[in-house]
Amino acid sequence: ETLGEPGNGRVLVVDGGGSQRCALVG
């Protein structure tokens, strides 16, 4: 949802809790 919005050169920082059981970005 967030990356579907205009980024205007921003950086998205995602705190995924350090989980290594699945991927959050593909």
PDB file of all heavy atoms in Angstrom:
ATOM      1  N   GLU A   1       0.826  -1.212   0.000  1.00  0.00           N
ATOM      2  CA  GLU A   1       0.000   0.000   0.000  1.00  0.00           C
ATOM      3  C   GLU A   1       0.857   1.258   0.000  1.00  0.00           C
ATOM      4  O   GLU A   1       0.632   2.196  -0.778  1.00  0.00           O
ATOM      5  CB  GLU A   1      -0.923  -0.014   1.219  1.00  0.00           C
ATOM      6  CG  GLU A   1      -1.795   1.202   1.357  1.00  0.00           C
ATOM      7  CD  GLU A   1      -2.620   1.164   2.641  1.00  0.00           C
ATOM      8  OE1 GLU A   1      -3.137   0.079   2.994  1.00  0.00           O
ATOM      9  OE2 GLU A   1      -2.718   2.219   3.293  1.00  0.00           O
ATOM     10  N   THR A   2       1.866   1.296   0.853  1.00  0.00           N
ATOM     11  CA  THR A   2       2.718   2.476   0.979  1.00  0.00           C
ATOM     12  C   THR A   2       3.548   2.704  -0.275  1.00  0.00           C
ATOM     13  O   THR A   2       3.648   3.833  -0.769  1.00  0.00           O
ATOM     14  CB  THR A   2       3.629   2.348   2.216  1.00  0.00           C
ATOM     15  OG1 THR A   2       2.805   2.146   3.370  1.00  0.00           O
ATOM     16  CG2 THR A   2       4.475   3.599   2.411  1.00  0.00           C
ATOM     17  N   LEU A   3       4.141   1.653  -0.824  1.00  0.00           N
ATOM     18  CA  LEU A   3       4.963   1.797  -2.020  1.00  0.00           C
ATOM     19  C   LEU A   3       4.116   2.061  -3.266  1.00  0.00           C
ATOM     20  O   LEU A   3       4.655   2.428  -4.308  1.00  0.00           O
ATOM     21  CB  LEU A   3       5.860   0.569  -2.207  1.00  0.00           C
ATOM     22  CG  LEU A   3       6.937   0.418  -1.130  1.00  0.00           C
ATOM     23  CD1 LEU A   3       7.697  -0.888  -1.314  1.00  0.00           C
ATOM     24  CD2 LEU A   3       7.895   1.604  -1.136  1.00  0.00           C
ATOM     25  N   GLY A   4       2.807   1.913  -3.136  1.00  0.00           N
ATOM     26  CA  GLY A   4       1.890   2.271  -4.215  1.00  0.00           C
ATOM     27  C   GLY A   4       1.610   3.762  -4.279  1.00  0.00           C
ATOM     28  O   GLY A   4       0.980   4.248  -5.216  1.00  0.00           O
ATOM     29  N   GLU A   5       2.087   4.499  -3.289  1.00  0.00           N
ATOM     30  CA  GLU A   5       1.928   5.958  -3.234  1.00  0.00           C
ATOM     31  C   GLU A   5       3.166   6.626  -3.821  1.00  0.00           C
ATOM     32  O   GLU A   5       4.231   6.009  -3.883  1.00  0.00           O
ATOM     33  CB  GLU A   5       1.772   6.402  -1.780  1.00  0.00           C
ATOM     34  CG  GLU A   5       0.590   5.797  -1.069  1.00  0.00           C
ATOM     35  CD  GLU A   5       0.611   6.053   0.433  1.00  0.00           C
ATOM     36  OE1 GLU A   5       1.549   6.733   0.922  1.00  0.00           O
ATOM     37  OE2 GLU A   5      -0.301   5.571   1.109  1.00  0.00           O
ATOM     38  N   PRO A   6       3.068   7.901  -4.225  1.00  0.00           N
ATOM     39  CA  PRO A   6       4.248   8.609  -4.714  1.00  0.00           C
ATOM     40  C   PRO A   6       5.356   8.634  -3.649  1.00  0.00           C
ATOM     41  O   PRO A   6       5.112   9.023  -2.501  1.00  0.00           O
ATOM     42  CB  PRO A   6       3.735  10.023  -4.999  1.00  0.00           C
ATOM     43  CG  PRO A   6       2.279   9.846  -5.246  1.00  0.00           C
ATOM     44  CD  PRO A   6       1.851   8.723  -4.329  1.00  0.00           C
ATOM     45  N   GLY A   7       6.540   8.197  -4.047  1.00  0.00           N
ATOM     46  CA  GLY A   7       7.649   8.138  -3.104  1.00  0.00           C
ATOM     47  C   GLY A   7       8.424   9.436  -3.000  1.00  0.00           C
ATOM     48  O   GLY A   7       9.001   9.737  -1.961  1.00  0.00           O
ATOM     49  N   ASN A   8       8.478  10.177  -4.105  1.00  0.00           N
ATOM     50  CA  ASN A   8       9.205  11.453  -4.113  1.00  0.00           C
ATOM     51  C   ASN A   8      10.617  11.315  -3.571  1.00  0.00           C
ATOM     52  O   ASN A   8      11.092  12.162  -2.824  1.00  0.00           O
ATOM     53  CB  ASN A   8       8.435  12.525  -3.336  1.00  0.00           C
ATOM     54  CG  ASN A   8       7.043  12.746  -3.893  1.00  0.00           C
ATOM     55  OD1 ASN A   8       6.876  12.853  -5.097  1.00  0.00           O
ATOM     56  ND2 ASN A   8       6.055  12.774  -3.026  1.00  0.00           N
ATOM     57  N   GLY A   9      11.291  10.205  -3.921  1.00  0.00           N
ATOM     58  CA  GLY A   9      12.669  10.006  -3.505  1.00  0.00           C
ATOM     59  C   GLY A   9      12.847   9.582  -2.064  1.00  0.00           C
ATOM     60  O   GLY A   9      13.966   9.573  -1.546  1.00  0.00           O
ATOM     61  N   ARG A  10      11.759   9.190  -1.395  1.00  0.00           N
ATOM     62  CA  ARG A  10      11.873   8.762   0.010  1.00  0.00           C
ATOM     63  C   ARG A  10      12.404   7.330   0.120  1.00  0.00           C
ATOM     64  O   ARG A  10      12.476   6.585  -0.855  1.00  0.00           O
ATOM     65  CB  ARG A  10      10.516   8.833   0.713  1.00  0.00           C
ATOM     66  CG  ARG A  10      10.042  10.250   0.977  1.00  0.00           C
ATOM     67  CD  ARG A  10       8.688  10.273   1.635  1.00  0.00           C
ATOM     68  NE  ARG A  10       7.686   9.757   0.698  1.00  0.00           N
ATOM     69  CZ  ARG A  10       6.476   9.340   1.047  1.00  0.00           C
ATOM     70  NH1 ARG A  10       6.109   9.365   2.320  1.00  0.00           N
ATOM     71  NH2 ARG A  10       5.625   8.907   0.152  1.00  0.00           N
ATOM     72  N   VAL A  11      12.741   6.960   1.344  1.00  0.00           N
ATOM     73  CA  VAL A  11      13.179   5.604   1.673  1.00  0.00           C
ATOM     74  C   VAL A  11      12.187   5.017   2.672  1.00  0.00           C
ATOM     75  O   VAL A  11      11.921   5.622   3.709  1.00  0.00           O
ATOM     76  CB  VAL A  11      14.598   5.599   2.287  1.00  0.00           C
ATOM     77  CG1 VAL A  11      14.993   4.200   2.730  1.00  0.00           C
ATOM     78  CG2 VAL A  11      15.619   6.162   1.294  1.00  0.00           C
ATOM     79  N   LEU A  12      11.647   3.849   2.347  1.00  0.00           N
ATOM     80  CA  LEU A  12      10.721   3.171   3.255  1.00  0.00           C
ATOM     81  C   LEU A  12      11.521   2.271   4.187  1.00  0.00           C
ATOM     82  O   LEU A  12      12.252   1.391   3.735  1.00  0.00           O
ATOM     83  CB  LEU A  12       9.701   2.339   2.474  1.00  0.00           C
ATOM     84  CG  LEU A  12       8.660   1.623   3.341  1.00  0.00           C
ATOM     85  CD1 LEU A  12       7.819   2.629   4.129  1.00  0.00           C
ATOM     86  CD2 LEU A  12       7.770   0.739   2.476  1.00  0.00           C
ATOM     87  N   VAL A  13      11.386   2.505   5.491  1.00  0.00           N
ATOM     88  CA  VAL A  13      12.039   1.687   6.509  1.00  0.00           C
ATOM     89  C   VAL A  13      10.968   0.804   7.140  1.00  0.00           C
ATOM     90  O   VAL A  13      10.011   1.319   7.730  1.00  0.00           O
ATOM     91  CB  VAL A  13      12.737   2.560   7.573  1.00  0.00           C
ATOM     92  CG1 VAL A  13      13.309   1.696   8.685  1.00  0.00           C
ATOM     93  CG2 VAL A  13      13.830   3.408   6.921  1.00  0.00           C
ATOM     94  N   VAL A  14      11.132  -0.508   6.986  1.00  0.00           N
ATOM     95  CA  VAL A  14      10.141  -1.475   7.449  1.00  0.00           C
ATOM     96  C   VAL A  14      10.702  -2.272   8.619  1.00  0.00           C
ATOM     97  O   VAL A  14      11.655  -3.031   8.459  1.00  0.00           O
ATOM     98  CB  VAL A  14       9.752  -2.447   6.312  1.00  0.00           C
ATOM     99  CG1 VAL A  14       8.705  -3.443   6.797  1.00  0.00           C
ATOM    100  CG2 VAL A  14       9.274  -1.687   5.087  1.00  0.00           C
ATOM    101  N   ASP A  15      10.112  -2.089   9.797  1.00  0.00           N
ATOM    102  CA  ASP A  15      10.464  -2.903  10.949  1.00  0.00           C
ATOM    103  C   ASP A  15       9.566  -4.131  10.905  1.00  0.00           C
ATOM    104  O   ASP A  15       8.421  -4.095  11.317  1.00  0.00           O
ATOM    105  CB  ASP A  15      10.267  -2.134  12.244  1.00  0.00           C
ATOM    106  CG  ASP A  15      10.612  -2.950  13.476  1.00  0.00           C
ATOM    107  OD1 ASP A  15      10.857  -4.176  13.356  1.00  0.00           O
ATOM    108  OD2 ASP A  15      10.628  -2.369  14.573  1.00  0.00           O
ATOM    109  N   GLY A  16      10.113  -5.211  10.362  1.00  0.00           N
ATOM    110  CA  GLY A  16       9.382  -6.469  10.261  1.00  0.00           C
ATOM    111  C   GLY A  16       9.644  -7.384  11.440  1.00  0.00           C
ATOM    112  O   GLY A  16       9.432  -8.601  11.347  1.00  0.00           O
ATOM    113  N   GLY A  17      10.114  -6.809  12.547  1.00  0.00           N
ATOM    114  CA  GLY A  17      10.355  -7.593  13.748  1.00  0.00           C
ATOM    115  C   GLY A  17      11.515  -8.560  13.632  1.00  0.00           C
ATOM    116  O   GLY A  17      11.695  -9.421  14.488  1.00  0.00           O
ATOM    117  N   GLY A  18      12.302  -8.429  12.567  1.00  0.00           N
ATOM    118  CA  GLY A  18      13.448  -9.323  12.378  1.00  0.00           C
ATOM    119  C   GLY A  18      13.063 -10.726  11.957  1.00  0.00           C
ATOM    120  O   GLY A  18      13.889 -11.631  11.962  1.00  0.00           O
ATOM    121  N   SER A  19      11.805 -10.930  11.576  1.00  0.00           N
ATOM    122  CA  SER A  19      11.349 -12.271  11.203  1.00  0.00           C
ATOM    123  C   SER A  19      12.107 -12.790   9.991  1.00  0.00           C
ATOM    124  O   SER A  19      12.293 -12.085   9.000  1.00  0.00           O
ATOM    125  CB  SER A  19       9.851 -12.261  10.877  1.00  0.00           C
ATOM    126  OG  SER A  19       9.472 -13.529  10.361  1.00  0.00           O
ATOM    127  N   GLN A  20      12.516 -14.037  10.080  1.00  0.00           N
ATOM    128  CA  GLN A  20      13.158 -14.721   8.959  1.00  0.00           C
ATOM    129  C   GLN A  20      12.339 -15.936   8.551  1.00  0.00           C
ATOM    130  O   GLN A  20      12.871 -16.930   8.076  1.00  0.00           O
ATOM    131  CB  GLN A  20      14.596 -15.086   9.326  1.00  0.00           C
ATOM    132  CG  GLN A  20      15.424 -13.832   9.547  1.00  0.00           C
ATOM    133  CD  GLN A  20      16.895 -14.110   9.673  1.00  0.00           C
ATOM    134  OE1 GLN A  20      17.425 -15.062   9.119  1.00  0.00           O
ATOM    135  NE2 GLN A  20      17.582 -13.260  10.415  1.00  0.00           N
ATOM    136  N   ARG A  21      11.006 -15.808   8.704  1.00  0.00           N
ATOM    137  CA  ARG A  21      10.096 -16.907   8.337  1.00  0.00           C
ATOM    138  C   ARG A  21       9.346 -16.658   7.042  1.00  0.00           C
ATOM    139  O   ARG A  21       8.665 -17.556   6.541  1.00  0.00           O
ATOM    140  CB  ARG A  21       9.109 -17.159   9.471  1.00  0.00           C
ATOM    141  CG  ARG A  21       9.813 -17.576  10.756  1.00  0.00           C
ATOM    142  CD  ARG A  21       8.878 -18.018  11.824  1.00  0.00           C
ATOM    143  NE  ARG A  21       7.852 -17.031  12.139  1.00  0.00           N
ATOM    144  CZ  ARG A  21       7.078 -17.094  13.212  1.00  0.00           C
ATOM    145  NH1 ARG A  21       7.220 -18.096  14.070  1.00  0.00           N
ATOM    146  NH2 ARG A  21       6.175 -16.171  13.447  1.00  0.00           N
ATOM    147  N   CYS A  22       9.444 -15.431   6.501  1.00  0.00           N
ATOM    148  CA  CYS A  22       8.806 -15.109   5.220  1.00  0.00           C
ATOM    149  C   CYS A  22       9.410 -13.809   4.705  1.00  0.00           C
ATOM    150  O   CYS A  22      10.114 -13.110   5.420  1.00  0.00           O
ATOM    151  CB  CYS A  22       7.298 -14.987   5.363  1.00  0.00           C
ATOM    152  SG  CYS A  22       6.749 -13.584   6.349  1.00  0.00           S
ATOM    153  N   ALA A  23       9.104 -13.487   3.439  1.00  0.00           N
ATOM    154  CA  ALA A  23       9.614 -12.263   2.817  1.00  0.00           C
ATOM    155  C   ALA A  23       8.558 -11.161   2.861  1.00  0.00           C
ATOM    156  O   ALA A  23       7.366 -11.426   2.711  1.00  0.00           O
ATOM    157  CB  ALA A  23      10.011 -12.541   1.376  1.00  0.00           C
ATOM    158  N   LEU A  24       9.020  -9.938   3.024  1.00  0.00           N
ATOM    159  CA  LEU A  24       8.128  -8.785   3.049  1.00  0.00           C
ATOM    160  C   LEU A  24       8.175  -7.968   1.755  1.00  0.00           C
ATOM    161  O   LEU A  24       7.281  -7.179   1.495  1.00  0.00           O
ATOM    162  CB  LEU A  24       8.469  -7.881   4.236  1.00  0.00           C
ATOM    163  CG  LEU A  24       8.263  -8.518   5.612  1.00  0.00           C
ATOM    164  CD1 LEU A  24       8.779  -7.608   6.706  1.00  0.00           C
ATOM    165  CD2 LEU A  24       6.799  -8.862   5.829  1.00  0.00           C
ATOM    166  N   VAL A  25       9.221  -8.157   0.961  1.00  0.00           N
ATOM    167  CA  VAL A  25       9.371  -7.455  -0.315  1.00  0.00           C
ATOM    168  C   VAL A  25       9.821  -8.461  -1.359  1.00  0.00           C
ATOM    169  O   VAL A  25      10.738  -9.243  -1.114  1.00  0.00           O
ATOM    170  CB  VAL A  25      10.404  -6.307  -0.215  1.00  0.00           C
ATOM    171  CG1 VAL A  25      10.673  -5.685  -1.581  1.00  0.00           C
ATOM    172  CG2 VAL A  25       9.933  -5.246   0.768  1.00  0.00           C
ATOM    173  N   GLY A  26       9.160  -8.421  -2.531  1.00  0.00           N
ATOM    174  CA  GLY A  26       9.539  -9.252  -3.669  1.00  0.00           C
ATOM    175  C   GLY A  26       9.604  -8.408  -4.920  1.00  0.00           C
ATOM    176  O   GLY A  26       9.517  -7.177  -4.868  1.00  0.00           O
TER     177      GLY A  26
END
